[in-house]
């Protein structure tokens, strides 16, 4: 009788454990989660092209619009990567180009071409968290933040999201003290990031508002950045999204800053 009771208790404990009840393996650890989120957000397919409209709304409700084409080429998944951004509207930024060579083990290389001055300018690594052409997006939002720059902690798992808190390793190199990221459990797309300032107060929110599939790849088509302190926001809408279009590495060189490739002009 005693052995039967012990076995029954063991079976009840096993049945009530999260793993046994779900019938699924352990959830991934935090490093695996953030790595998958980085791949989902920035490394879909081998390359890609999209037309983007950013609408900036200030605290008084006034709007400004930026239209551009963005090209991306992956040298290695999760590793080196190239971005090329060609501006079409408005007239004061037309034909301006922003280019990034993204690296993992060192600072990214960044350039901007200013057509009014016919000037190619290198962007310092310290400028990556400054405004992207007058919007609420930052240069770093466009090409992504190096995962090694932060320490990551899985603080919660809900039915839909992995909730990860990231804290900068160099607290003096950024304007935030930490940020919390909601990562979709199915496709690993980052859906919402909330940034805290040095006083621990929310001051910046980045949200994915719409997701669609292109060539079977879940893609954020509408996103929004809100500056809570300034009362301004920027809505980003992507269209004509295409993957694996055969972009060549030579496009992502200084030569093509002054001579935009056909891929952005068509």
Foldseek 3Di string as FASTA:
>chain_A
DVVVVVVVVVVVVQCPDPCNVVVDDDDDFFVVLVLLQCCQAAPPFQKKKWWKKKWKQFQVRDIDIWIWMKIKGDPDRVAWIKMKIATCDDPQCHLKIKIWTDGAPDAIWIWIQRVVVRDIDTDDSLQQQPDDVPALDGNCNVNHDHPVQWDKDQDDDDPFWGKIKTAGPPCVSDQFGIKIWTAGPPNRHTAKIWTAGPVRHTFKMKGQDDWDDDPNRIHRAWIKMAGRVRNMMMIMGIDPMDHDPDDDPVCRDPVCSNPPDPSGVD
